[in-house]
Every structure is written in C-alpha cells, then in structure tokens.
C-alpha cells in the first residue's frame, strides 16, 4: 500500500479531522473564557474547509446553502455603508461571515456521517451537564447579587448560559434512544441542565426550552410533518394566549411571571425602528458596524435583544428577506427528511432558537457562540441532508450511510 503524503493525508481524512475541530470548538464554549480562544479552532477549521474547496464547491448549487452564503456576504458588505466606518471592523465582519460559512460546510459534511450525530450530541450534552453542575455548585456557594445563575467560560451571562444549556439538554434527550443501559445517566444529566436553566431566571430561555423539548417529543411521536406542525403550533399558541391573558388581567401574576417586566425591550425596539425611519434606511439598513446602543432612563442598552430586529437594523428589508429565504429553505429540507434523526434534532434546536431570538440576541453573525448553536447548526444540518450525493467524502467514514 502506497504511503500518503501529508497533503494527501489532509485531504483523505478531511471529514474526521473537521469533525474533531467542530466538537472541540463547540465544547470549548463551556470552558474557555475568551471567545477568541474558542475561535482559534474555527479559524483552523475555516482554513481546512477552504483547502478542500473542490470537494464541496457543488454546494453552491443548493438553494439553502447559496441563500446562506448570500445572506452572510450581504451582512458583511453592509459594513460599507455603516457609520462610523472602520476598515479593521469591516474586515473583522467579513472574516466572521466566512467563519460561519465554513462552519456550515463542515457541519453539513460531518452530519452525513451517521456516527457523528450520535457522538456530537452525547459529547455536547455531557459537557453541558458538567458545566451546568459546576455552575450550580458555584451558585450554591456564592449566590450572585441578582440571584440568577450564569455559566462558565464564555457563558458568563445568564441568558447565553441558559440557551446553551437548553440546547445541551435537547441533545441529550435526542441521544437517549442510542444510550442503551446508560439512559439513566442521560436523564440525570438532562435534569441537571434543566435545573440550571430554571435558576438562570431567564423566562425566555425556559419557554424556549419547553418548546424545544415538545418539538423533539412530537417529532418522534408523529409520523407526518403536517401533524407535528399542527399540534406544536396549537399548543404554543394556546399557552401564549393564556400567558398573555394572565399578564394583562392579573398584575400579581404579571409580577410573578415577569419580575423584571420587559427589561426595556419594547423601548429598545421602538427607538431602533425610529432611528431606521429617521435615516430612511428601510431597504438596506444602517449597516453591520452601526451602533445599536440606546440610552433609556440612564441605562445604556448595547444591543437590540432581538435577532430579527438586529438583522433588520443592519441589513434592512433586504436582510430580512434573505433570512426568511434561508429559514424557508432549511425548514423545507428538514420536513422533507423528517424521518431522519438528524432532521428531528435540527427541528428541535430551531424550536429552541427561533422563539428565543424574539427576546434576546445581538447579531446573527459573530464569532462562535450560542447563535451558532441555535441557528447556524440546524441550517447546516439541513444543507447536509439535502446534498448527500455532493458530499461524497463523508460516505467513506460512515458505517451505515444511506
């Protein structure tokens, strides 16, 4: 057997090496305090993905991937009409878009390998459970002044920690069927993650977690996407109406359910939309580098607390339209591939992220973080599911590839 050169080996084992970099990047969020430190692995991954361009370039023929690439390129290009403008900041925004795009490629390829989903969900779930347990211990030893649990590493804010813990919990529940005699450990770790989300005090994360768990359960319970969507939407709408009625009709319940009110969110949204109107920037937005900071009652609010509004503010209606196209394309694929475990996982993660983005989030394009998990990961899974013939490299590393 001929010995492979270093270059040939890097190409030959491109998929498993990318898988290792992916798992390290995602798991490092629980440990490394610096986002830049976690990003180091994504820079390596990006270089590696670009190195193998000819092996995945046909992905640009896929509508969901192409729309994602156009959205990322557009949001990066919006830096050009941002005020104030800076060359370094614009370059950084372009690099972040490239990192996200290569992340999509790597996930799409790796999820075509059957064992990758199983191992990623287990590793991420258990890493999350360990991080949540340590956070709970620290919370018990030294309770924060605001009484809300935060995470370790980059998850030092309660909202980000709660959202990532929610995804880790969904991953553990998604892997229960493959756990065999270790199911009890999956449920124990899921319980730890659930307690951590509750103690975070984020009503948004708690509600999003419940929706995500229901989506995962119903995806395995109902055989058709139509039934799944009908039941999930009916329950979410019903609970939403009951919640709204309780808040409006009972001040005491409103205080209990929302102890911090809306945390100035409505005022933030109103002021940012007013700024768009004043600048006449409805179509193309204010640009990715424009500041979203607003001052309310002496408090400076640095970001919109709404990913969709962030896209609208940065990219205008064009950006929102591109976002809708990406979501529509991904959901179409996921429901077409509804029978596959990968599709059910992606649907459940989106069920956590899409509602949560209405009340939290600063930007759709950033270095690796919780938005990558809750949005770009399921988008990438959809790309992988719809491009099995294109991603031929994955076939050689899969034991049960179909």
Foldseek 3Di string as FASTA:
>chain_A
DDDDDPLRVLQLCVLVVLLVLVLQLLLCQQAAQDLVVSLVSLVVLLVSLVSNCVLFVCLCVAQLLVLLLVLLVLQLVLLVQAPPHDPVVSVQSNVLSSSLSSVLVNLLLNVLFPVSLLVSLVSLLVSLLVQLVVQVVVCVVDPDPVQATFTPHNRRQLVQNLLSLLLSLLSLVLNLVVCVPCNVVSVVSSVSSLVNNVRRVDLLSNVLSVLLVLLLVLLVVDDAVVVSVVVSVVVVVVVVVVVVCCLVVPVVVVCVSCVPHLVCLVVLLVVLVVVCVVVVVQAAANGNPYWSWDADPNDIDGANQAALSLQCRHGHPVSNVSVVSSVVSLVVLLNVVSVDSLSSSLSSLLSSQVSSRGGGDGYCGDRDGSSCRSPSSSSSNSSSSVPVVSSVSSVVNHPDRD
